Amino acid sequence: GWGLLRNRFWMDVEALQSAGYSWTIIGHMTEKTIRVNKQDITVQRP
């Protein structure tokens, strides 16, 4: 399922490129708490 979704999205991007467009893709980030050396730290991830 993940592979199908990835291909579905990317086929559109490749088709836009082939049609002569350049592009910008915007992605959000979120904060996540992870455990490092027995301490909780907050990091930002896509």
ModelCIF file with pLDDT and N, C-alpha, C, O atoms, coordinates in Angstrom:
data_MODEL
#
_entry.id   MODEL 
#
_entity.id                         1 
_entity.type                       polymer 
_entity.pdbx_number_of_molecules   1 
#
_entity_poly.entity_id                      1 
_entity_poly.type                           'polypeptide(L)' 
_entity_poly.nstd_linkage                   no 
_entity_poly.nstd_monomer                   no 
_entity_poly.pdbx_seq_one_letter_code       GWGLLRNRFWMDVEALQSAGYSWTIIGHMTEKTIRVNKQDITVQRP 
_entity_poly.pdbx_seq_one_letter_code_can   GWGLLRNRFWMDVEALQSAGYSWTIIGHMTEKTIRVNKQDITVQRP 
_entity_poly.pdbx_strand_id                 A 
#
loop_
_entity_poly_seq.entity_id 
_entity_poly_seq.num 
_entity_poly_seq.mon_id 
_entity_poly_seq.hetero 
1 1  GLY n 
1 2  TRP n 
1 3  GLY n 
1 4  LEU n 
1 5  LEU n 
1 6  ARG n 
1 7  ASN n 
1 8  ARG n 
1 9  PHE n 
1 10 TRP n 
1 11 MET n 
1 12 ASP n 
1 13 VAL n 
1 14 GLU n 
1 15 ALA n 
1 16 LEU n 
1 17 GLN n 
1 18 SER n 
1 19 ALA n 
1 20 GLY n 
1 21 TYR n 
1 22 SER n 
1 23 TRP n 
1 24 THR n 
1 25 ILE n 
1 26 ILE n 
1 27 GLY n 
1 28 HIS n 
1 29 MET n 
1 30 THR n 
1 31 GLU n 
1 32 LYS n 
1 33 THR n 
1 34 ILE n 
1 35 ARG n 
1 36 VAL n 
1 37 ASN n 
1 38 LYS n 
1 39 GLN n 
1 40 ASP n 
1 41 ILE n 
1 42 THR n 
1 43 VAL n 
1 44 GLN n 
1 45 ARG n 
1 46 PRO n 
#
_struct_asym.id          A 
_struct_asym.entity_id   1 
#
loop_
_ma_qa_metric.id 
_ma_qa_metric.mode 
_ma_qa_metric.name 
_ma_qa_metric.software_group_id 
_ma_qa_metric.type 
1 global pLDDT . pLDDT 
2 local  pLDDT . pLDDT 
#
_ma_qa_metric_global.metric_id      1 
_ma_qa_metric_global.metric_value   83.87 
_ma_qa_metric_global.model_id       1 
_ma_qa_metric_global.ordinal_id     1 
#
loop_
_ma_qa_metric_local.label_asym_id 
_ma_qa_metric_local.label_comp_id 
_ma_qa_metric_local.label_seq_id 
_ma_qa_metric_local.metric_id 
_ma_qa_metric_local.metric_value 
_ma_qa_metric_local.model_id 
_ma_qa_metric_local.ordinal_id 
A GLY 1  2 89.00 1 1  
A TRP 2  2 89.00 1 2  
A GLY 3  2 91.00 1 3  
A LEU 4  2 92.00 1 4  
A LEU 5  2 91.00 1 5  
A ARG 6  2 92.00 1 6  
A ASN 7  2 92.00 1 7  
A ARG 8  2 93.00 1 8  
A PHE 9  2 94.00 1 9  
A TRP 10 2 95.00 1 10 
A MET 11 2 95.00 1 11 
A ASP 12 2 95.00 1 12 
A VAL 13 2 96.00 1 13 
A GLU 14 2 96.00 1 14 
A ALA 15 2 96.00 1 15 
A LEU 16 2 96.00 1 16 
A GLN 17 2 95.00 1 17 
A SER 18 2 95.00 1 18 
A ALA 19 2 96.00 1 19 
A GLY 20 2 95.00 1 20 
A TYR 21 2 96.00 1 21 
A SER 22 2 95.00 1 22 
A TRP 23 2 96.00 1 23 
A THR 24 2 95.00 1 24 
A ILE 25 2 95.00 1 25 
A ILE 26 2 93.00 1 26 
A GLY 27 2 90.00 1 27 
A HIS 28 2 87.00 1 28 
A MET 29 2 80.00 1 29 
A THR 30 2 74.00 1 30 
A GLU 31 2 68.00 1 31 
A LYS 32 2 66.00 1 32 
A THR 33 2 67.00 1 33 
A ILE 34 2 64.00 1 34 
A ARG 35 2 65.00 1 35 
A VAL 36 2 67.00 1 36 
A ASN 37 2 72.00 1 37 
A LYS 38 2 73.00 1 38 
A GLN 39 2 75.00 1 39 
A ASP 40 2 69.00 1 40 
A ILE 41 2 70.00 1 41 
A THR 42 2 64.00 1 42 
A VAL 43 2 62.00 1 43 
A GLN 44 2 65.00 1 44 
A ARG 45 2 69.00 1 45 
A PRO 46 2 68.00 1 46 
#
loop_
_atom_site.group_PDB 
_atom_site.id 
_atom_site.type_symbol 
_atom_site.label_atom_id 
_atom_site.label_alt_id 
_atom_site.label_comp_id 
_atom_site.label_asym_id 
_atom_site.label_entity_id 
_atom_site.label_seq_id 
_atom_site.pdbx_PDB_ins_code 
_atom_site.Cartn_x 
_atom_site.Cartn_y 
_atom_site.Cartn_z 
_atom_site.occupancy 
_atom_site.B_iso_or_equiv 
_atom_site.pdbx_formal_charge 
_atom_site.auth_seq_id 
_atom_site.auth_comp_id 
_atom_site.auth_asym_id 
_atom_site.auth_atom_id 
_atom_site.pdbx_PDB_model_num 
ATOM 1   N N  . GLY A 1 1  ? 0.810  -1.217 0.000   1.00 89.00 ? 1  GLY A N  1 
ATOM 2   C CA . GLY A 1 1  ? 0.000  0.000  0.000   1.00 89.00 ? 1  GLY A CA 1 
ATOM 3   C C  . GLY A 1 1  ? 0.834  1.254  0.000   1.00 89.00 ? 1  GLY A C  1 
ATOM 4   O O  . GLY A 1 1  ? 0.533  2.216  -0.707  1.00 89.00 ? 1  GLY A O  1 
ATOM 5   N N  . TRP A 1 2  ? 1.903  1.243  0.808   1.00 89.00 ? 2  TRP A N  1 
ATOM 6   C CA . TRP A 1 2  ? 2.794  2.402  0.852   1.00 89.00 ? 2  TRP A CA 1 
ATOM 7   C C  . TRP A 1 2  ? 3.451  2.636  -0.507  1.00 89.00 ? 2  TRP A C  1 
ATOM 8   O O  . TRP A 1 2  ? 3.596  3.774  -0.954  1.00 89.00 ? 2  TRP A O  1 
ATOM 9   N N  . GLY A 1 3  ? 3.846  1.537  -1.157  1.00 91.00 ? 3  GLY A N  1 
ATOM 10  C CA . GLY A 1 3  ? 4.474  1.659  -2.473  1.00 91.00 ? 3  GLY A CA 1 
ATOM 11  C C  . GLY A 1 3  ? 3.528  2.238  -3.501  1.00 91.00 ? 3  GLY A C  1 
ATOM 12  O O  . GLY A 1 3  ? 3.923  3.083  -4.305  1.00 91.00 ? 3  GLY A O  1 
ATOM 13  N N  . LEU A 1 4  ? 2.266  1.787  -3.485  1.00 92.00 ? 4  LEU A N  1 
ATOM 14  C CA . LEU A 1 4  ? 1.278  2.314  -4.422  1.00 92.00 ? 4  LEU A CA 1 
ATOM 15  C C  . LEU A 1 4  ? 1.041  3.803  -4.203  1.00 92.00 ? 4  LEU A C  1 
ATOM 16  O O  . LEU A 1 4  ? 0.943  4.574  -5.157  1.00 92.00 ? 4  LEU A O  1 
ATOM 17  N N  . LEU A 1 5  ? 0.951  4.201  -2.931  1.00 91.00 ? 5  LEU A N  1 
ATOM 18  C CA . LEU A 1 5  ? 0.719  5.614  -2.632  1.00 91.00 ? 5  LEU A CA 1 
ATOM 19  C C  . LEU A 1 5  ? 1.903  6.472  -3.075  1.00 91.00 ? 5  LEU A C  1 
ATOM 20  O O  . LEU A 1 5  ? 1.719  7.533  -3.672  1.00 91.00 ? 5  LEU A O  1 
ATOM 21  N N  . ARG A 1 6  ? 3.100  6.015  -2.782  1.00 92.00 ? 6  ARG A N  1 
ATOM 22  C CA . ARG A 1 6  ? 4.290  6.746  -3.196  1.00 92.00 ? 6  ARG A CA 1 
ATOM 23  C C  . ARG A 1 6  ? 4.334  6.913  -4.714  1.00 92.00 ? 6  ARG A C  1 
ATOM 24  O O  . ARG A 1 6  ? 4.626  7.998  -5.217  1.00 92.00 ? 6  ARG A O  1 
ATOM 25  N N  . ASN A 1 7  ? 4.045  5.848  -5.428  1.00 92.00 ? 7  ASN A N  1 
ATOM 26  C CA . ASN A 1 7  ? 4.072  5.914  -6.888  1.00 92.00 ? 7  ASN A CA 1 
ATOM 27  C C  . ASN A 1 7  ? 2.980  6.816  -7.438  1.00 92.00 ? 7  ASN A C  1 
ATOM 28  O O  . ASN A 1 7  ? 3.196  7.531  -8.416  1.00 92.00 ? 7  ASN A O  1 
ATOM 29  N N  . ARG A 1 8  ? 1.811  6.787  -6.815  1.00 93.00 ? 8  ARG A N  1 
ATOM 30  C CA . ARG A 1 8  ? 0.697  7.621  -7.276  1.00 93.00 ? 8  ARG A CA 1 
ATOM 31  C C  . ARG A 1 8  ? 1.054  9.095  -7.161  1.00 93.00 ? 8  ARG A C  1 
ATOM 32  O O  . ARG A 1 8  ? 0.816  9.875  -8.083  1.00 93.00 ? 8  ARG A O  1 
ATOM 33  N N  . PHE A 1 9  ? 1.620  9.466  -6.031  1.00 94.00 ? 9  PHE A N  1 
ATOM 34  C CA . PHE A 1 9  ? 2.019  10.864 -5.847  1.00 94.00 ? 9  PHE A CA 1 
ATOM 35  C C  . PHE A 1 9  ? 3.140  11.248 -6.807  1.00 94.00 ? 9  PHE A C  1 
ATOM 36  O O  . PHE A 1 9  ? 3.091  12.305 -7.436  1.00 94.00 ? 9  PHE A O  1 
ATOM 37  N N  . TRP A 1 10 ? 4.141  10.394 -6.916  1.00 95.00 ? 10 TRP A N  1 
ATOM 38  C CA . TRP A 1 10 ? 5.313  10.771 -7.698  1.00 95.00 ? 10 TRP A CA 1 
ATOM 39  C C  . TRP A 1 10 ? 5.041  10.763 -9.201  1.00 95.00 ? 10 TRP A C  1 
ATOM 40  O O  . TRP A 1 10 ? 5.695  11.500 -9.940  1.00 95.00 ? 10 TRP A O  1 
ATOM 41  N N  . MET A 1 11 ? 4.112  9.966  -9.664  1.00 95.00 ? 11 MET A N  1 
ATOM 42  C CA . MET A 1 11 ? 3.754  9.980  -11.080 1.00 95.00 ? 11 MET A CA 1 
ATOM 43  C C  . MET A 1 11 ? 3.264  11.365 -11.493 1.00 95.00 ? 11 MET A C  1 
ATOM 44  O O  . MET A 1 11 ? 3.578  11.827 -12.590 1.00 95.00 ? 11 MET A O  1 
ATOM 45  N N  . ASP A 1 12 ? 2.506  12.026 -10.636 1.00 95.00 ? 12 ASP A N  1 
ATOM 46  C CA . ASP A 1 12 ? 2.039  13.376 -10.936 1.00 95.00 ? 12 ASP A CA 1 
ATOM 47  C C  . ASP A 1 12 ? 3.206  14.354 -11.011 1.00 95.00 ? 12 ASP A C  1 
ATOM 48  O O  . ASP A 1 12 ? 3.259  15.194 -11.909 1.00 95.00 ? 12 ASP A O  1 
ATOM 49  N N  . VAL A 1 13 ? 4.137  14.245 -10.073 1.00 96.00 ? 13 VAL A N  1 
ATOM 50  C CA . VAL A 1 13 ? 5.291  15.147 -10.067 1.00 96.00 ? 13 VAL A CA 1 
ATOM 51  C C  . VAL A 1 13 ? 6.134  14.943 -11.321 1.00 96.00 ? 13 VAL A C  1 
ATOM 52  O O  . VAL A 1 13 ? 6.559  15.911 -11.951 1.00 96.00 ? 13 VAL A O  1 
ATOM 53  N N  . GLU A 1 14 ? 6.374  13.692 -11.683 1.00 96.00 ? 14 GLU A N  1 
ATOM 54  C CA . GLU A 1 14 ? 7.156  13.413 -12.890 1.00 96.00 ? 14 GLU A CA 1 
ATOM 55  C C  . GLU A 1 14 ? 6.439  13.900 -14.146 1.00 96.00 ? 14 GLU A C  1 
ATOM 56  O O  . GLU A 1 14 ? 7.080  14.394 -15.073 1.00 96.00 ? 14 GLU A O  1 
ATOM 57  N N  . ALA A 1 15 ? 5.123  13.766 -14.181 1.00 96.00 ? 15 ALA A N  1 
ATOM 58  C CA . ALA A 1 15 ? 4.355  14.239 -15.334 1.00 96.00 ? 15 ALA A CA 1 
ATOM 59  C C  . ALA A 1 15 ? 4.447  15.760 -15.457 1.00 96.00 ? 15 ALA A C  1 
ATOM 60  O O  . ALA A 1 15 ? 4.533  16.288 -16.566 1.00 96.00 ? 15 ALA A O  1 
ATOM 61  N N  . LEU A 1 16 ? 4.429  16.459 -14.332 1.00 96.00 ? 16 LEU A N  1 
ATOM 62  C CA . LEU A 1 16 ? 4.599  17.916 -14.355 1.00 96.00 ? 16 LEU A CA 1 
ATOM 63  C C  . LEU A 1 16 ? 5.979  18.286 -14.881 1.00 96.00 ? 16 LEU A C  1 
ATOM 64  O O  . LEU A 1 16 ? 6.114  19.203 -15.690 1.00 96.00 ? 16 LEU A O  1 
ATOM 65  N N  . GLN A 1 17 ? 6.995  17.578 -14.425 1.00 95.00 ? 17 GLN A N  1 
ATOM 66  C CA . GLN A 1 17 ? 8.354  17.830 -14.924 1.00 95.00 ? 17 GLN A CA 1 
ATOM 67  C C  . GLN A 1 17 ? 8.441  17.605 -16.427 1.00 95.00 ? 17 GLN A C  1 
ATOM 68  O O  . GLN A 1 17 ? 8.998  18.427 -17.154 1.00 95.00 ? 17 GLN A O  1 
ATOM 69  N N  . SER A 1 18 ? 7.892  16.498 -16.885 1.00 95.00 ? 18 SER A N  1 
ATOM 70  C CA . SER A 1 18 ? 7.938  16.176 -18.321 1.00 95.00 ? 18 SER A CA 1 
ATOM 71  C C  . SER A 1 18 ? 7.200  17.209 -19.159 1.00 95.00 ? 18 SER A C  1 
ATOM 72  O O  . SER A 1 18 ? 7.523  17.419 -20.328 1.00 95.00 ? 18 SER A O  1 
ATOM 73  N N  . ALA A 1 19 ? 6.200  17.855 -18.549 1.00 96.00 ? 19 ALA A N  1 
ATOM 74  C CA . ALA A 1 19 ? 5.424  18.882 -19.256 1.00 96.00 ? 19 ALA A CA 1 
ATOM 75  C C  . ALA A 1 19 ? 6.121  20.242 -19.228 1.00 96.00 ? 19 ALA A C  1 
ATOM 76  O O  . ALA A 1 19 ? 5.620  21.212 -19.797 1.00 96.00 ? 19 ALA A O  1 
ATOM 77  N N  . GLY A 1 20 ? 7.278  20.308 -18.565 1.00 95.00 ? 20 GLY A N  1 
ATOM 78  C CA . GLY A 1 20 ? 8.065  21.538 -18.612 1.00 95.00 ? 20 GLY A CA 1 
ATOM 79  C C  . GLY A 1 20 ? 8.023  22.419 -17.376 1.00 95.00 ? 20 GLY A C  1 
ATOM 80  O O  . GLY A 1 20 ? 8.558  23.528 -17.394 1.00 95.00 ? 20 GLY A O  1 
ATOM 81  N N  . TYR A 1 21 ? 7.399  21.949 -16.302 1.00 96.00 ? 21 TYR A N  1 
ATOM 82  C CA . TYR A 1 21 ? 7.299  22.765 -15.094 1.00 96.00 ? 21 TYR A CA 1 
ATOM 83  C C  . TYR A 1 21 ? 8.454  22.469 -14.131 1.00 96.00 ? 21 TYR A C  1 
ATOM 84  O O  . TYR A 1 21 ? 8.943  21.342 -14.052 1.00 96.00 ? 21 TYR A O  1 
ATOM 85  N N  . SER A 1 22 ? 8.869  23.491 -13.415 1.00 95.00 ? 22 SER A N  1 
ATOM 86  C CA . SER A 1 22 ? 9.674  23.283 -12.217 1.00 95.00 ? 22 SER A CA 1 
ATOM 87  C C  . SER A 1 22 ? 8.708  23.229 -11.040 1.00 95.00 ? 22 SER A C  1 
ATOM 88  O O  . SER A 1 22 ? 7.518  23.506 -11.196 1.00 95.00 ? 22 SER A O  1 
ATOM 89  N N  . TRP A 1 23 ? 9.225  22.868 -9.845  1.00 96.00 ? 23 TRP A N  1 
ATOM 90  C CA . TRP A 1 23 ? 8.286  22.699 -8.750  1.00 96.00 ? 23 TRP A CA 1 
ATOM 91  C C  . TRP A 1 23 ? 8.900  23.006 -7.397  1.00 96.00 ? 23 TRP A C  1 
ATOM 92  O O  . TRP A 1 23 ? 10.116 22.982 -7.210  1.00 96.00 ? 23 TRP A O  1 
ATOM 93  N N  . THR A 1 24 ? 8.011  23.293 -6.467  1.00 95.00 ? 24 THR A N  1 
ATOM 94  C CA . THR A 1 24 ? 8.363  23.387 -5.049  1.00 95.00 ? 24 THR A CA 1 
ATOM 95  C C  . THR A 1 24 ? 7.369  22.527 -4.289  1.00 95.00 ? 24 THR A C  1 
ATOM 96  O O  . THR A 1 24 ? 6.162  22.616 -4.515  1.00 95.00 ? 24 THR A O  1 
ATOM 97  N N  . ILE A 1 25 ? 7.872  21.699 -3.395  1.00 95.00 ? 25 ILE A N  1 
ATOM 98  C CA . ILE A 1 25 ? 7.024  20.877 -2.538  1.00 95.00 ? 25 ILE A CA 1 
ATOM 99  C C  . ILE A 1 25 ? 7.234  21.322 -1.099  1.00 95.00 ? 25 ILE A C  1 
ATOM 100 O O  . ILE A 1 25 ? 8.361  21.379 -0.607  1.00 95.00 ? 25 ILE A O  1 
ATOM 101 N N  . ILE A 1 26 ? 6.128  21.635 -0.436  1.00 93.00 ? 26 ILE A N  1 
ATOM 102 C CA . ILE A 1 26 ? 6.162  22.113 0.941   1.00 93.00 ? 26 ILE A CA 1 
ATOM 103 C C  . ILE A 1 26 ? 5.846  20.965 1.891   1.00 93.00 ? 26 ILE A C  1 
ATOM 104 O O  . ILE A 1 26 ? 4.882  20.227 1.688   1.00 93.00 ? 26 ILE A O  1 
ATOM 105 N N  . GLY A 1 27 ? 6.666  20.822 2.928   1.00 90.00 ? 27 GLY A N  1 
ATOM 106 C CA . GLY A 1 27 ? 6.431  19.795 3.936   1.00 90.00 ? 27 GLY A CA 1 
ATOM 107 C C  . GLY A 1 27 ? 6.447  20.391 5.334   1.00 90.00 ? 27 GLY A C  1 
ATOM 108 O O  . GLY A 1 27 ? 7.270  21.256 5.634   1.00 90.00 ? 27 GLY A O  1 
ATOM 109 N N  . HIS A 1 28 ? 5.549  19.935 6.182   1.00 87.00 ? 28 HIS A N  1 
ATOM 110 C CA . HIS A 1 28 ? 5.498  20.415 7.555   1.00 87.00 ? 28 HIS A CA 1 
ATOM 111 C C  . HIS A 1 28 ? 6.410  19.587 8.448   1.00 87.00 ? 28 HIS A C  1 
ATOM 112 O O  . HIS A 1 28 ? 6.742  18.443 8.139   1.00 87.00 ? 28 HIS A O  1 
ATOM 113 N N  . MET A 1 29 ? 6.805  20.188 9.556   1.00 80.00 ? 29 MET A N  1 
ATOM 114 C CA . MET A 1 29 ? 7.558  19.473 10.578  1.00 80.00 ? 29 MET A CA 1 
ATOM 115 C C  . MET A 1 29 ? 6.733  19.445 11.861  1.00 80.00 ? 29 MET A C  1 
ATOM 116 O O  . MET A 1 29 ? 5.832  20.260 12.058  1.00 80.00 ? 29 MET A O  1 
ATOM 117 N N  . THR A 1 30 ? 7.058  18.500 12.715  1.00 74.00 ? 30 THR A N  1 
ATOM 118 C CA . THR A 1 30 ? 6.376  18.395 13.994  1.00 74.00 ? 30 THR A CA 1 
ATOM 119 C C  . THR A 1 30 ? 7.397  18.104 15.080  1.00 74.00 ? 30 THR A C  1 
ATOM 120 O O  . THR A 1 30 ? 8.489  17.609 14.804  1.00 74.00 ? 30 THR A O  1 
ATOM 121 N N  . GLU A 1 31 ? 7.035  18.415 16.312  1.00 68.00 ? 31 GLU A N  1 
ATOM 122 C CA . GLU A 1 31 ? 7.927  18.138 17.439  1.00 68.00 ? 31 GLU A CA 1 
ATOM 123 C C  . GLU A 1 31 ? 7.632  16.746 17.997  1.00 68.00 ? 31 GLU A C  1 
ATOM 124 O O  . GLU A 1 31 ? 6.479  16.324 18.089  1.00 68.00 ? 31 GLU A O  1 
ATOM 125 N N  . LYS A 1 32 ? 8.706  16.048 18.365  1.00 66.00 ? 32 LYS A N  1 
ATOM 126 C CA . LYS A 1 32 ? 8.571  14.694 18.878  1.00 66.00 ? 32 LYS A CA 1 
ATOM 127 C C  . LYS A 1 32 ? 9.554  14.510 20.030  1.00 66.00 ? 32 LYS A C  1 
ATOM 128 O O  . LYS A 1 32 ? 10.694 14.969 19.962  1.00 66.00 ? 32 LYS A O  1 
ATOM 129 N N  . THR A 1 33 ? 9.115  13.854 21.060  1.00 67.00 ? 33 THR A N  1 
ATOM 130 C CA . THR A 1 33 ? 9.980  13.580 22.208  1.00 67.00 ? 33 THR A CA 1 
ATOM 131 C C  . THR A 1 33 ? 10.619 12.198 22.050  1.00 67.00 ? 33 THR A C  1 
ATOM 132 O O  . THR A 1 33 ? 9.925  11.199 21.863  1.00 67.00 ? 33 THR A O  1 
ATOM 133 N N  . ILE A 1 34 ? 11.950 12.158 22.128  1.00 64.00 ? 34 ILE A N  1 
ATOM 134 C CA . ILE A 1 34 ? 12.677 10.892 22.011  1.00 64.00 ? 34 ILE A CA 1 
ATOM 135 C C  . ILE A 1 34 ? 13.582 10.724 23.228  1.00 64.00 ? 34 ILE A C  1 
ATOM 136 O O  . ILE A 1 34 ? 13.890 11.690 23.925  1.00 64.00 ? 34 ILE A O  1 
ATOM 137 N N  . ARG A 1 35 ? 13.996 9.503  23.470  1.00 65.00 ? 35 ARG A N  1 
ATOM 138 C CA . ARG A 1 35 ? 14.839 9.182  24.620  1.00 65.00 ? 35 ARG A CA 1 
ATOM 139 C C  . ARG A 1 35 ? 16.277 9.054  24.152  1.00 65.00 ? 35 ARG A C  1 
ATOM 140 O O  . ARG A 1 35 ? 16.573 8.222  23.295  1.00 65.00 ? 35 ARG A O  1 
ATOM 141 N N  . VAL A 1 36 ? 17.178 9.863  24.699  1.00 67.00 ? 36 VAL A N  1 
ATOM 142 C CA . VAL A 1 36 ? 18.600 9.824  24.359  1.00 67.00 ? 36 VAL A CA 1 
ATOM 143 C C  . VAL A 1 36 ? 19.402 9.835  25.651  1.00 67.00 ? 36 VAL A C  1 
ATOM 144 O O  . VAL A 1 36 ? 19.286 10.752 26.464  1.00 67.00 ? 36 VAL A O  1 
ATOM 145 N N  . ASN A 1 37 ? 20.231 8.785  25.830  1.00 72.00 ? 37 ASN A N  1 
ATOM 146 C CA . ASN A 1 37 ? 21.054 8.685  27.046  1.00 72.00 ? 37 ASN A CA 1 
ATOM 147 C C  . ASN A 1 37 ? 20.212 8.849  28.313  1.00 72.00 ? 37 ASN A C  1 
ATOM 148 O O  . ASN A 1 37 ? 20.589 9.567  29.239  1.00 72.00 ? 37 ASN A O  1 
ATOM 149 N N  . LYS A 1 38 ? 19.069 8.171  28.331  1.00 73.00 ? 38 LYS A N  1 
ATOM 150 C CA . LYS A 1 38 ? 18.154 8.168  29.472  1.00 73.00 ? 38 LYS A CA 1 
ATOM 151 C C  . LYS A 1 38 ? 17.523 9.525  29.759  1.00 73.00 ? 38 LYS A C  1 
ATOM 152 O O  . LYS A 1 38 ? 17.030 9.770  30.860  1.00 73.00 ? 38 LYS A O  1 
ATOM 153 N N  . GLN A 1 39 ? 17.542 10.395 28.772  1.00 75.00 ? 39 GLN A N  1 
ATOM 154 C CA . GLN A 1 39 ? 16.903 11.697 28.919  1.00 75.00 ? 39 GLN A CA 1 
ATOM 155 C C  . GLN A 1 39 ? 15.926 11.922 27.771  1.00 75.00 ? 39 GLN A C  1 
ATOM 156 O O  . GLN A 1 39 ? 16.187 11.535 26.632  1.00 75.00 ? 39 GLN A O  1 
ATOM 157 N N  . ASP A 1 40 ? 14.802 12.553 28.086  1.00 69.00 ? 40 ASP A N  1 
ATOM 158 C CA . ASP A 1 40 ? 13.825 12.912 27.057  1.00 69.00 ? 40 ASP A CA 1 
ATOM 159 C C  . ASP A 1 40 ? 14.218 14.248 26.433  1.00 69.00 ? 40 ASP A C  1 
ATOM 160 O O  . ASP A 1 40 ? 14.404 15.240 27.138  1.00 69.00 ? 40 ASP A O  1 
ATOM 161 N N  . ILE A 1 41 ? 14.341 14.266 25.123  1.00 70.00 ? 41 ILE A N  1 
ATOM 162 C CA . ILE A 1 41 ? 14.628 15.515 24.421  1.00 70.00 ? 41 ILE A CA 1 
ATOM 163 C C  . ILE A 1 41 ? 13.606 15.713 23.320  1.00 70.00 ? 41 ILE A C  1 
ATOM 164 O O  . ILE A 1 41 ? 13.068 14.747 22.779  1.00 70.00 ? 41 ILE A O  1 
ATOM 165 N N  . THR A 1 42 ? 13.341 16.954 22.992  1.00 64.00 ? 42 THR A N  1 
ATOM 166 C CA . THR A 1 42 ? 12.376 17.284 21.945  1.00 64.00 ? 42 THR A CA 1 
ATOM 167 C C  . THR A 1 42 ? 13.113 17.594 20.655  1.00 64.00 ? 42 THR A C  1 
ATOM 168 O O  . THR A 1 42 ? 14.008 18.439 20.629  1.00 64.00 ? 42 THR A O  1 
ATOM 169 N N  . VAL A 1 43 ? 12.735 16.910 19.589  1.00 62.00 ? 43 VAL A N  1 
ATOM 170 C CA . VAL A 1 43 ? 13.341 17.121 18.279  1.00 62.00 ? 43 VAL A CA 1 
ATOM 171 C C  . VAL A 1 43 ? 12.240 17.450 17.282  1.00 62.00 ? 43 VAL A C  1 
ATOM 172 O O  . VAL A 1 43 ? 11.058 17.230 17.546  1.00 62.00 ? 43 VAL A O  1 
ATOM 173 N N  . GLN A 1 44 ? 12.639 17.972 16.146  1.00 65.00 ? 44 GLN A N  1 
ATOM 174 C CA . GLN A 1 44 ? 11.685 18.281 15.084  1.00 65.00 ? 44 GLN A CA 1 
ATOM 175 C C  . GLN A 1 44 ? 11.930 17.353 13.895  1.00 65.00 ? 44 GLN A C  1 
ATOM 176 O O  . GLN A 1 44 ? 13.067 17.174 13.460  1.00 65.00 ? 44 GLN A O  1 
ATOM 177 N N  . ARG A 1 45 ? 10.866 16.775 13.385  1.00 69.00 ? 45 ARG A N  1 
ATOM 178 C CA . ARG A 1 45 ? 10.950 15.813 12.292  1.00 69.00 ? 45 ARG A CA 1 
ATOM 179 C C  . ARG A 1 45 ? 9.907  16.141 11.227  1.00 69.00 ? 45 ARG A C  1 
ATOM 180 O O  . ARG A 1 45 ? 8.845  16.677 11.547  1.00 69.00 ? 45 ARG A O  1 
ATOM 181 N N  . PRO A 1 46 ? 10.202 15.820 9.945   1.00 68.00 ? 46 PRO A N  1 
ATOM 182 C CA . PRO A 1 46 ? 9.174  15.981 8.913   1.00 68.00 ? 46 PRO A CA 1 
ATOM 183 C C  . PRO A 1 46 ? 7.958  15.118 9.217   1.00 68.00 ? 46 PRO A C  1 
ATOM 184 O O  . PRO A 1 46 ? 6.991  15.125 8.456   1.00 68.00 ? 46 PRO A O  1 
#
